[in-house]
Amino acid sequence: RELWFKLGFISWFLGLVAILLKDDYFVSGAGLPGRFKAEKVEFHWGHSNGSAGSEHSVNGRRFPV
């Protein structure tokens, strides 16, 4: 299913929501070597038991969205 929202284009896919940003949003800090324009925000998810879904971890632990 695909929808348009204020932030831009949102695409729904099994286990993924992607938001394409139509305005200028920037990311900096946290050790990044400069200022970068954000084009898209993605949320991935898997099973609610936390065994899959997250691409990143915090202190070795993964968390479902």
N, C-alpha and C. Protein backbone atom coordinates (compact mmCIF):
# COMPACT_ATOMS: atom_id res chain seq x y z
N ARG A 1 0.84 -1.17 0.00
CA ARG A 1 0.00 0.00 0.00
C ARG A 1 0.89 1.23 0.00
N GLU A 2 0.55 2.23 -0.76
CA GLU A 2 1.35 3.44 -0.84
C GLU A 2 0.50 4.67 -0.54
N LEU A 3 1.03 5.61 0.23
CA LEU A 3 0.29 6.80 0.66
C LEU A 3 1.19 8.03 0.55
N TRP A 4 0.58 9.19 0.35
CA TRP A 4 1.30 10.47 0.40
C TRP A 4 0.99 11.17 1.72
N PHE A 5 2.00 11.70 2.38
CA PHE A 5 1.84 12.46 3.61
C PHE A 5 2.64 13.74 3.51
N LYS A 6 2.54 14.60 4.52
CA LYS A 6 3.24 15.88 4.52
C LYS A 6 4.76 15.71 4.39
N LEU A 7 5.32 14.71 5.05
CA LEU A 7 6.76 14.51 5.00
C LEU A 7 7.24 14.07 3.62
N GLY A 8 6.37 13.51 2.83
CA GLY A 8 6.78 13.02 1.52
C GLY A 8 6.07 11.73 1.21
N PHE A 9 6.75 10.87 0.52
CA PHE A 9 6.17 9.62 0.05
C PHE A 9 6.43 8.51 1.05
N ILE A 10 5.39 7.82 1.48
CA ILE A 10 5.53 6.71 2.42
C ILE A 10 5.14 5.43 1.70
N SER A 11 6.01 4.46 1.74
CA SER A 11 5.75 3.18 1.10
C SER A 11 5.70 2.09 2.16
N TRP A 12 4.64 1.33 2.18
CA TRP A 12 4.48 0.23 3.13
C TRP A 12 4.84 -1.06 2.42
N PHE A 13 5.68 -1.86 3.04
CA PHE A 13 6.09 -3.15 2.50
C PHE A 13 6.20 -4.09 3.68
N LEU A 14 6.03 -5.34 3.48
CA LEU A 14 6.09 -6.32 4.56
C LEU A 14 7.40 -6.15 5.34
N GLY A 15 7.31 -5.70 6.58
CA GLY A 15 8.48 -5.52 7.43
C GLY A 15 9.24 -4.23 7.23
N LEU A 16 8.70 -3.29 6.43
CA LEU A 16 9.43 -2.06 6.15
C LEU A 16 8.47 -0.92 5.88
N VAL A 17 8.76 0.24 6.46
CA VAL A 17 8.08 1.49 6.11
C VAL A 17 9.18 2.47 5.72
N ALA A 18 9.08 3.07 4.54
CA ALA A 18 10.07 4.03 4.07
C ALA A 18 9.39 5.38 3.84
N ILE A 19 10.00 6.44 4.35
CA ILE A 19 9.48 7.80 4.18
C ILE A 19 10.52 8.60 3.40
N LEU A 20 10.15 9.02 2.19
CA LEU A 20 11.04 9.88 1.40
C LEU A 20 10.79 11.32 1.81
N LEU A 21 11.82 12.02 2.24
CA LEU A 21 11.68 13.38 2.77
C LEU A 21 11.71 14.38 1.62
N LYS A 22 10.68 15.23 1.54
CA LYS A 22 10.61 16.20 0.45
C LYS A 22 11.25 17.54 0.79
N ASP A 23 11.42 17.83 2.06
CA ASP A 23 12.05 19.08 2.48
C ASP A 23 13.52 18.81 2.83
N ASP A 24 14.25 19.85 3.19
CA ASP A 24 15.66 19.71 3.54
C ASP A 24 15.81 19.41 5.03
N TYR A 25 16.25 18.19 5.33
CA TYR A 25 16.57 17.76 6.70
C TYR A 25 18.03 17.34 6.69
N PHE A 26 18.76 17.70 7.75
CA PHE A 26 20.18 17.41 7.79
C PHE A 26 20.54 16.66 9.06
N VAL A 27 21.59 15.84 8.97
CA VAL A 27 22.09 15.04 10.08
C VAL A 27 23.54 15.44 10.30
N SER A 28 23.91 15.68 11.57
CA SER A 28 25.30 15.99 11.89
C SER A 28 25.56 15.58 13.33
N GLY A 29 26.82 15.64 13.72
CA GLY A 29 27.20 15.28 15.08
C GLY A 29 27.41 13.78 15.23
N ALA A 30 27.51 13.31 16.45
CA ALA A 30 27.67 11.88 16.77
C ALA A 30 28.86 11.27 16.03
N GLY A 31 29.92 12.05 15.84
CA GLY A 31 31.11 11.53 15.18
C GLY A 31 31.09 11.58 13.66
N LEU A 32 30.02 12.10 13.06
CA LEU A 32 29.97 12.21 11.60
C LEU A 32 30.96 13.28 11.14
N PRO A 33 31.63 13.08 10.00
CA PRO A 33 32.64 14.03 9.54
C PRO A 33 32.08 15.20 8.75
N GLY A 34 30.88 15.62 9.05
CA GLY A 34 30.28 16.75 8.34
C GLY A 34 28.77 16.78 8.51
N ARG A 35 28.13 17.52 7.65
CA ARG A 35 26.67 17.69 7.66
C ARG A 35 26.12 17.00 6.41
N PHE A 36 25.12 16.14 6.59
CA PHE A 36 24.59 15.34 5.49
C PHE A 36 23.10 15.56 5.35
N LYS A 37 22.63 15.64 4.10
CA LYS A 37 21.20 15.79 3.82
C LYS A 37 20.53 14.43 3.92
N ALA A 38 19.46 14.37 4.71
CA ALA A 38 18.67 13.13 4.83
C ALA A 38 17.66 13.08 3.69
N GLU A 39 17.59 11.97 3.01
CA GLU A 39 16.64 11.80 1.91
C GLU A 39 15.52 10.84 2.24
N LYS A 40 15.80 9.90 3.18
CA LYS A 40 14.81 8.87 3.45
C LYS A 40 14.96 8.37 4.88
N VAL A 41 13.84 8.02 5.51
CA VAL A 41 13.82 7.38 6.82
C VAL A 41 13.17 6.02 6.64
N GLU A 42 13.83 4.97 7.12
CA GLU A 42 13.28 3.62 7.00
C GLU A 42 13.13 2.98 8.37
N PHE A 43 12.03 2.28 8.57
CA PHE A 43 11.80 1.48 9.76
C PHE A 43 11.66 0.03 9.32
N HIS A 44 12.45 -0.86 9.93
CA HIS A 44 12.39 -2.28 9.64
C HIS A 44 11.92 -2.99 10.91
N TRP A 45 11.16 -4.03 10.75
CA TRP A 45 10.77 -4.79 11.92
C TRP A 45 10.68 -6.27 11.59
N GLY A 46 10.72 -7.06 12.64
CA GLY A 46 10.64 -8.51 12.51
C GLY A 46 9.72 -9.05 13.57
N HIS A 47 10.13 -10.14 14.19
CA HIS A 47 9.30 -10.78 15.21
C HIS A 47 9.32 -9.97 16.51
N SER A 48 8.23 -9.99 17.24
CA SER A 48 8.13 -9.22 18.48
C SER A 48 9.02 -9.78 19.59
N ASN A 49 9.57 -10.99 19.41
CA ASN A 49 10.46 -11.54 20.43
C ASN A 49 11.86 -10.93 20.37
N GLY A 50 12.08 -10.02 19.41
CA GLY A 50 13.35 -9.31 19.33
C GLY A 50 14.46 -10.10 18.66
N SER A 51 14.15 -11.26 18.09
CA SER A 51 15.20 -12.09 17.49
C SER A 51 15.59 -11.62 16.09
N ALA A 52 14.77 -10.78 15.46
CA ALA A 52 15.08 -10.32 14.11
C ALA A 52 14.44 -8.95 13.90
N GLY A 53 14.83 -8.31 12.81
CA GLY A 53 14.20 -7.05 12.47
C GLY A 53 15.14 -5.88 12.52
N SER A 54 15.75 -5.66 13.66
CA SER A 54 16.64 -4.51 13.79
C SER A 54 17.96 -4.78 13.09
N GLU A 55 18.43 -3.79 12.31
CA GLU A 55 19.72 -3.92 11.65
C GLU A 55 20.85 -3.49 12.58
N HIS A 56 20.54 -2.77 13.62
CA HIS A 56 21.55 -2.23 14.52
C HIS A 56 21.30 -2.73 15.94
N SER A 57 22.29 -2.56 16.78
CA SER A 57 22.14 -3.01 18.17
C SER A 57 22.67 -1.93 19.11
N VAL A 58 22.24 -2.01 20.37
CA VAL A 58 22.73 -1.14 21.43
C VAL A 58 23.31 -2.05 22.49
N ASN A 59 24.60 -1.91 22.75
CA ASN A 59 25.30 -2.78 23.71
C ASN A 59 25.07 -4.26 23.40
N GLY A 60 25.06 -4.59 22.10
CA GLY A 60 24.91 -5.98 21.68
C GLY A 60 23.49 -6.51 21.65
N ARG A 61 22.52 -5.70 22.02
CA ARG A 61 21.12 -6.14 22.04
C ARG A 61 20.36 -5.51 20.87
N ARG A 62 19.47 -6.30 20.26
CA ARG A 62 18.61 -5.83 19.18
C ARG A 62 17.20 -5.66 19.72
N PHE A 63 16.49 -4.66 19.21
CA PHE A 63 15.15 -4.36 19.69
C PHE A 63 14.18 -4.28 18.52
N PRO A 64 12.97 -4.86 18.66
CA PRO A 64 11.97 -4.75 17.59
C PRO A 64 11.38 -3.35 17.58
N VAL A 65 10.90 -2.91 16.43
CA VAL A 65 10.25 -1.61 16.30
C VAL A 65 8.81 -1.75 16.74
